[in-house]
Amino acid sequence: MDAAGRLLEIEDLRVTFEVGGARYKAVDGVSFTIDDGEAVGLVGESGSGKSVTARSILGLTGARQLAGGAIRYRGTDLVPLGEPAWQRLRGREIALIPQNALAALNPLFTVGWQIAELFRVHEGASRSEARRRVVALMEQVGIPAAAKRFDSYPHEFSGGMRQRAVIAMAVALNPKLVIADEPTTALDVTMEAQVMDLLGDLRRERQMALIHITHDVELVASSVDRMIVMYAGRIVEAGPADDLYHLPAHPYTRALLESRPSLGDRRKGLLPTIPGAPPKISAIPSGCAFHPRCAHMRERCQRETPILRSPTSGRVAACHYSEEVLQLGEVHTTVSA
């Protein structure tokens, strides 16, 4: 899409954290764009930098932590904004669906009151008008008996209904970009599918863009337009979701897909995994950060950091041997447990 449809542009984003008196990179040179109405999956294990990237987009990264780069929304750089300007932007233009719905909801107030507060504070709605709009919104996100549930407290909602409530809060003011941070965590498979369907429906109906943060490539592959895979604070692969899902060009993307449990694995007592663990930001390996865990590692990988390049059209991957990875062919996944 041309610049006229460009909603968000992240350029060379760098975020650092202080550990033991020294500063280390949690996000290191991340660049990507989001267009109007586009759905993008931001994928990686815990510690990959995806949630820190999302917090930066929302202006929740402290000035000392944001070490460099630009975050442009509709062409305007958000980095220099003060907190009052960020508060006007959050909710109205960019909204967050948090990972832990129970922690995000205040236990002392009813769910309906908390959603209605958005309409009262941001739009000056009366209590009766806010209540009417909240009930309609709760019905839209699939909360049963919405008029009655308006007066229920968070602990009286099931996990799935709490997730629907925070989704309602995120879309209440019709933002143009919603960031969903692991929105199906701790939900069973059935509820996970329902939440994914709900997010897809809301995106189409409200014509909003969506960044879906997850560790599960397979979960988002069929519901996003593009996927961006992160590891150790960097983007290691990005491109059309279908391409990355069926024919990954980076060993890490392939390993994520191959490590998803299947019914056959459970019958055999096997659980596929990626060897080792993601590195701490205070101990990022030299060269390619993934090389200690990579089945394709060569001596070059230990000393030379790969740059993002295009092994195939429309795709970028940060791997010295991405053509070799592509030659492995499609990843054959079975029905998940």
Protein backbone atom coordinates (compact mmCIF):
# COMPACT_ATOMS: atom_id res chain seq x y z
CA MET A 1 0.00 0.00 0.00
CA ASP A 2 1.24 3.52 -0.75
CA ALA A 3 2.04 6.16 1.87
CA ALA A 4 -1.56 7.42 1.79
CA GLY A 5 -2.71 4.23 3.49
CA ARG A 6 0.19 4.03 5.92
CA LEU A 7 -1.07 4.00 9.50
CA LEU A 8 2.04 3.24 11.54
CA GLU A 9 5.73 3.26 10.74
CA ILE A 10 8.41 2.01 13.12
CA GLU A 11 11.92 2.96 12.07
CA ASP A 12 15.11 1.70 13.75
CA LEU A 13 13.44 1.37 17.16
CA ARG A 14 15.92 0.78 19.98
CA VAL A 15 14.90 0.20 23.60
CA THR A 16 17.34 -0.44 26.44
CA PHE A 17 17.00 -1.58 30.05
CA GLU A 18 19.40 -1.21 32.94
CA VAL A 19 20.65 -4.46 34.46
CA GLY A 20 23.25 -4.38 37.23
CA GLY A 21 24.27 -0.81 36.44
CA ALA A 22 24.79 -1.52 32.71
CA ARG A 23 22.38 -0.86 29.85
CA TYR A 24 21.36 -3.62 27.46
CA LYS A 25 19.28 -3.70 24.29
CA ALA A 26 15.80 -5.19 24.64
CA VAL A 27 14.82 -4.01 21.14
CA ASP A 28 17.60 -3.44 18.65
CA GLY A 29 16.91 -1.69 15.35
CA VAL A 30 13.34 -2.86 14.68
CA SER A 31 11.59 -1.40 11.62
CA PHE A 32 8.19 -2.26 10.14
CA THR A 33 4.97 -0.65 8.91
CA ILE A 34 1.26 -1.20 9.44
CA ASP A 35 -1.32 -0.09 6.87
CA ASP A 36 -4.95 0.87 7.42
CA GLY A 37 -7.02 -2.21 8.25
CA GLU A 38 -4.06 -4.58 8.11
CA ALA A 39 -3.55 -7.46 10.55
CA VAL A 40 0.02 -8.29 11.50
CA GLY A 41 1.27 -11.08 13.76
CA LEU A 42 4.27 -10.18 15.95
CA VAL A 43 5.68 -13.59 16.86
CA GLY A 44 8.41 -14.86 19.18
CA GLU A 45 9.18 -16.54 22.49
CA SER A 46 9.14 -14.69 25.80
CA GLY A 47 12.01 -12.21 25.87
CA SER A 48 12.08 -11.69 22.10
CA GLY A 49 11.17 -8.01 22.43
CA LYS A 50 7.69 -8.13 20.96
CA SER A 51 5.82 -6.81 24.04
CA VAL A 52 8.47 -4.12 24.61
CA THR A 53 7.92 -3.02 21.02
CA ALA A 54 4.17 -2.83 21.68
CA ARG A 55 4.67 -0.79 24.85
CA SER A 56 6.79 1.64 22.88
CA ILE A 57 4.02 2.09 20.31
CA LEU A 58 1.67 2.94 23.19
CA GLY A 59 4.08 5.41 24.74
CA LEU A 60 4.56 3.24 27.81
CA THR A 61 8.34 3.04 27.49
CA GLY A 62 10.17 5.56 29.66
CA ALA A 63 12.33 8.25 28.10
CA ARG A 64 15.48 6.62 29.52
CA GLN A 65 14.52 3.29 27.98
CA LEU A 66 13.73 4.56 24.49
CA ALA A 67 17.23 4.82 23.09
CA GLY A 68 16.43 5.79 19.51
CA GLY A 69 14.28 5.46 16.44
CA ALA A 70 10.97 6.87 15.25
CA ILE A 71 7.36 5.83 15.82
CA ARG A 72 5.20 7.59 13.23
CA TYR A 73 1.41 7.51 13.37
CA ARG A 74 -0.23 9.01 10.28
CA GLY A 75 3.16 10.51 9.50
CA THR A 76 3.60 12.22 12.89
CA ASP A 77 6.48 11.10 15.11
CA LEU A 78 5.08 10.14 18.50
CA VAL A 79 8.40 9.86 20.34
CA PRO A 80 8.61 13.57 21.33
CA LEU A 81 5.03 13.67 22.66
CA GLY A 82 4.40 14.50 26.30
CA GLU A 83 2.17 12.36 28.51
CA PRO A 84 -1.00 14.51 28.03
CA ALA A 85 -0.76 14.01 24.26
CA TRP A 86 -0.19 10.26 24.71
CA GLN A 87 -3.27 10.04 26.92
CA ARG A 88 -5.39 11.64 24.19
CA LEU A 89 -3.99 9.17 21.68
CA ARG A 90 -4.43 6.00 23.73
CA GLY A 91 -7.89 4.50 23.41
CA ARG A 92 -9.02 6.88 20.69
CA GLU A 93 -6.36 6.02 18.08
CA ILE A 94 -4.27 3.15 19.49
CA ALA A 95 -5.64 0.69 22.05
CA LEU A 96 -4.35 -2.36 23.91
CA ILE A 97 -5.94 -5.70 24.67
CA PRO A 98 -3.86 -6.88 27.65
CA GLN A 99 -2.70 -10.43 28.24
CA ASN A 100 -4.12 -10.76 31.75
CA ALA A 101 -7.74 -9.59 31.74
CA LEU A 102 -8.24 -10.19 35.46
CA ALA A 103 -5.26 -8.00 36.34
CA ALA A 104 -6.40 -5.31 33.88
CA LEU A 105 -9.86 -4.99 35.43
CA ASN A 106 -10.31 -3.18 38.74
CA PRO A 107 -11.87 -5.65 41.22
CA LEU A 108 -13.61 -2.84 43.13
CA PHE A 109 -15.81 -1.66 40.26
CA THR A 110 -18.33 -3.43 38.07
CA VAL A 111 -17.26 -4.38 34.58
CA GLY A 112 -19.96 -2.20 33.02
CA TRP A 113 -18.90 0.84 35.06
CA GLN A 114 -15.29 0.43 33.93
CA ILE A 115 -16.21 0.31 30.24
CA ALA A 116 -18.70 3.17 30.63
CA GLU A 117 -15.97 5.35 32.12
CA LEU A 118 -14.39 5.52 28.66
CA PHE A 119 -17.50 7.12 27.19
CA ARG A 120 -17.99 9.46 30.16
CA VAL A 121 -14.39 10.70 30.31
CA HIS A 122 -13.49 10.82 26.62
CA GLU A 123 -16.85 11.76 25.09
CA GLY A 124 -18.76 13.39 27.94
CA ALA A 125 -21.60 10.87 27.76
CA SER A 126 -24.24 10.89 30.51
CA ARG A 127 -24.50 7.88 32.80
CA SER A 128 -27.63 6.62 31.04
CA GLU A 129 -26.16 7.13 27.58
CA ALA A 130 -22.90 5.44 28.60
CA ARG A 131 -24.79 2.49 30.04
CA ARG A 132 -26.82 2.08 26.84
CA ARG A 133 -23.69 2.11 24.69
CA VAL A 134 -21.85 -0.31 26.98
CA VAL A 135 -24.70 -2.84 26.93
CA ALA A 136 -24.74 -2.72 23.12
CA LEU A 137 -20.95 -3.14 23.04
CA MET A 138 -21.03 -6.05 25.49
CA GLU A 139 -23.62 -7.73 23.29
CA GLN A 140 -21.44 -7.16 20.23
CA VAL A 141 -18.46 -8.94 21.81
CA GLY A 142 -20.63 -11.88 22.83
CA ILE A 143 -21.20 -11.35 26.56
CA PRO A 144 -24.57 -13.00 27.32
CA ALA A 145 -27.29 -11.17 29.30
CA ALA A 146 -25.33 -7.95 28.82
CA ALA A 147 -27.83 -5.68 30.59
CA LYS A 148 -27.57 -7.83 33.71
CA ARG A 149 -23.83 -8.42 33.41
CA PHE A 150 -23.22 -4.66 33.33
CA ASP A 151 -23.47 -4.71 37.13
CA SER A 152 -21.27 -7.77 37.67
CA TYR A 153 -17.76 -7.58 39.11
CA PRO A 154 -14.72 -9.05 37.34
CA HIS A 155 -14.52 -12.06 39.67
CA GLU A 156 -18.09 -12.96 38.65
CA PHE A 157 -17.05 -13.31 35.01
CA SER A 158 -15.48 -16.45 33.55
CA GLY A 159 -12.03 -16.17 31.99
CA GLY A 160 -13.50 -16.03 28.51
CA MET A 161 -16.00 -13.33 29.45
CA ARG A 162 -13.30 -11.24 31.12
CA GLN A 163 -11.30 -11.42 27.91
CA ARG A 164 -14.34 -10.28 25.95
CA ALA A 165 -14.76 -7.41 28.41
CA VAL A 166 -11.22 -6.09 27.88
CA ILE A 167 -11.70 -6.46 24.13
CA ALA A 168 -14.84 -4.33 24.48
CA MET A 169 -12.82 -1.71 26.39
CA ALA A 170 -10.15 -1.69 23.69
CA VAL A 171 -12.55 -1.09 20.79
CA ALA A 172 -15.03 1.17 22.63
CA LEU A 173 -13.70 4.43 21.17
CA ASN A 174 -13.19 3.00 17.67
CA PRO A 175 -9.37 3.13 17.56
CA LYS A 176 -7.66 2.70 14.21
CA LEU A 177 -5.02 0.36 15.65
CA VAL A 178 -5.49 -2.31 18.31
CA ILE A 179 -2.56 -4.19 19.85
CA ALA A 180 -3.59 -7.60 21.19
CA ASP A 181 -0.92 -8.88 23.59
CA GLU A 182 -1.30 -12.69 23.85
CA PRO A 183 -5.11 -12.28 24.09
CA THR A 184 -5.80 -16.04 24.32
CA THR A 185 -3.36 -16.85 27.14
CA ALA A 186 -4.84 -19.29 29.70
CA LEU A 187 -7.97 -19.90 27.59
CA ASP A 188 -8.98 -23.39 26.53
CA VAL A 189 -8.88 -24.35 22.84
CA THR A 190 -12.57 -23.69 22.25
CA MET A 191 -12.51 -20.25 23.87
CA GLU A 192 -9.24 -19.47 22.07
CA ALA A 193 -10.93 -20.05 18.73
CA GLN A 194 -13.92 -17.92 19.74
CA VAL A 195 -11.70 -15.00 20.76
CA MET A 196 -9.74 -15.25 17.50
CA ASP A 197 -12.99 -15.21 15.51
CA LEU A 198 -14.24 -12.23 17.53
CA LEU A 199 -11.07 -10.24 16.85
CA GLY A 200 -11.36 -10.99 13.14
CA ASP A 201 -15.00 -9.92 13.05
CA LEU A 202 -14.33 -6.68 14.93
CA ARG A 203 -11.39 -5.83 12.68
CA ARG A 204 -13.51 -6.18 9.56
CA GLU A 205 -16.57 -4.44 10.98
CA ARG A 206 -14.64 -1.50 12.42
CA GLN A 207 -11.98 -1.40 9.69
CA MET A 208 -9.21 -1.26 12.27
CA ALA A 209 -5.64 -2.47 12.01
CA LEU A 210 -4.46 -5.17 14.41
CA ILE A 211 -1.10 -6.20 15.82
CA HIS A 212 -1.45 -9.65 17.35
CA ILE A 213 1.43 -10.50 19.70
CA THR A 214 1.93 -14.22 20.28
CA HIS A 215 4.47 -17.03 20.62
CA ASP A 216 2.25 -19.30 18.51
CA VAL A 217 2.85 -18.99 14.75
CA GLU A 218 0.09 -21.43 13.92
CA LEU A 219 -2.48 -19.55 16.01
CA VAL A 220 -2.25 -16.37 13.94
CA ALA A 221 -1.14 -17.72 10.54
CA SER A 222 -4.66 -17.86 9.12
CA SER A 223 -5.92 -14.63 10.71
CA VAL A 224 -3.24 -12.07 9.81
CA ASP A 225 -1.96 -10.65 6.53
CA ARG A 226 1.72 -10.57 7.49
CA MET A 227 3.91 -12.04 10.18
CA ILE A 228 6.95 -10.49 11.82
CA VAL A 229 9.14 -12.94 13.75
CA MET A 230 11.38 -11.55 16.49
CA TYR A 231 14.29 -13.07 18.38
CA ALA A 232 16.59 -11.43 20.94
CA GLY A 233 15.22 -7.97 20.20
CA ARG A 234 15.56 -8.15 16.42
CA ILE A 235 13.36 -9.04 13.48
CA VAL A 236 14.61 -12.31 12.00
CA GLU A 237 11.91 -12.86 9.37
CA ALA A 238 8.94 -10.98 7.96
CA GLY A 239 6.56 -11.48 5.07
CA PRO A 240 3.13 -12.74 4.01
CA ALA A 241 1.66 -14.98 6.71
CA ASP A 242 0.90 -17.86 4.38
CA ASP A 243 4.48 -17.89 3.03
CA LEU A 244 6.08 -17.92 6.49
CA TYR A 245 3.70 -20.59 7.74
CA HIS A 246 4.23 -23.04 4.89
CA LEU A 247 7.77 -22.26 3.80
CA PRO A 248 9.81 -20.37 6.43
CA ALA A 249 13.17 -18.91 5.43
CA HIS A 250 14.66 -18.58 8.90
CA PRO A 251 15.59 -21.57 11.12
CA TYR A 252 13.89 -19.95 14.11
CA THR A 253 10.55 -19.58 12.31
CA ARG A 254 10.79 -23.18 11.18
CA ALA A 255 11.67 -24.33 14.69
CA LEU A 256 8.66 -22.50 16.15
CA LEU A 257 6.36 -24.28 13.71
CA GLU A 258 7.92 -27.69 14.23
CA SER A 259 7.75 -27.39 18.02
CA ARG A 260 3.96 -27.08 18.17
CA PRO A 261 2.59 -30.23 19.89
CA SER A 262 0.34 -32.51 17.84
CA LEU A 263 -1.92 -35.43 18.68
CA GLY A 264 0.62 -37.85 17.18
CA ASP A 265 3.41 -36.48 19.36
CA ARG A 266 1.36 -36.95 22.52
CA ARG A 267 0.52 -40.53 21.65
CA LYS A 268 4.23 -41.24 21.26
CA GLY A 269 5.07 -39.41 24.48
CA LEU A 270 7.13 -36.85 22.57
CA LEU A 271 7.01 -33.07 22.91
CA PRO A 272 8.98 -31.29 20.18
CA THR A 273 11.04 -28.38 21.48
CA ILE A 274 13.66 -25.87 20.41
CA PRO A 275 16.95 -26.78 22.15
CA GLY A 276 18.19 -24.38 24.81
CA ALA A 277 16.47 -21.16 25.85
CA PRO A 278 16.18 -17.59 24.54
CA PRO A 279 19.15 -15.46 25.65
CA LYS A 280 18.94 -12.86 28.38
CA ILE A 281 19.36 -9.29 27.16
CA SER A 282 22.54 -9.10 29.24
CA ALA A 283 24.06 -12.06 27.38
CA ILE A 284 23.11 -11.86 23.70
CA PRO A 285 25.41 -14.20 21.73
CA SER A 286 27.78 -12.74 19.16
CA GLY A 287 26.99 -13.08 15.48
CA CYS A 288 23.53 -14.53 14.93
CA ALA A 289 21.83 -14.55 18.33
CA PHE A 290 20.02 -17.79 17.42
CA HIS A 291 23.18 -19.73 16.53
CA PRO A 292 23.54 -21.64 19.87
CA ARG A 293 20.12 -23.24 19.23
CA CYS A 294 20.24 -23.54 15.44
CA ALA A 295 20.51 -26.81 13.53
CA HIS A 296 22.07 -24.97 10.56
CA MET A 297 24.82 -23.18 12.52
CA ARG A 298 28.19 -22.69 10.84
CA GLU A 299 31.34 -20.93 12.03
CA ARG A 300 30.27 -17.77 10.19
CA CYS A 301 27.10 -17.58 12.30
CA GLN A 302 29.13 -17.21 15.50
CA ARG A 303 31.02 -14.12 14.36
CA GLU A 304 28.92 -12.35 11.71
CA THR A 305 25.49 -10.83 12.46
CA PRO A 306 23.16 -11.50 9.51
CA ILE A 307 21.19 -8.61 8.04
CA LEU A 308 17.63 -8.73 6.73
CA ARG A 309 17.63 -9.61 3.05
CA SER A 310 15.13 -11.02 0.55
CA PRO A 311 15.64 -14.72 -0.20
CA THR A 312 12.31 -14.69 -2.09
CA SER A 313 10.01 -11.95 -3.35
CA GLY A 314 8.04 -10.14 -0.65
CA ARG A 315 10.01 -11.76 2.17
CA VAL A 316 12.96 -10.75 4.34
CA ALA A 317 15.02 -13.00 6.61
CA ALA A 318 18.12 -12.43 8.73
CA CYS A 319 19.96 -15.69 8.07
CA HIS A 320 23.18 -16.37 6.19
CA TYR A 321 21.70 -19.61 4.89
CA SER A 322 18.04 -18.75 4.30
CA GLU A 323 18.12 -20.30 0.81
CA GLU A 324 19.23 -23.57 2.42
CA VAL A 325 16.35 -23.36 4.91
CA LEU A 326 13.88 -22.75 2.08
CA GLN A 327 15.12 -25.87 0.30
CA LEU A 328 13.95 -27.98 3.26
CA GLY A 329 10.46 -27.54 1.83
CA GLU A 330 7.13 -27.03 3.51
CA VAL A 331 6.65 -27.55 7.22
CA HIS A 332 4.14 -30.38 7.58
CA THR A 333 2.02 -29.74 10.65
CA THR A 334 -0.63 -32.12 11.91
CA VAL A 335 -3.82 -31.44 13.81
CA SER A 336 -2.91 -29.78 17.10
CA ALA A 337 -3.90 -31.28 20.41
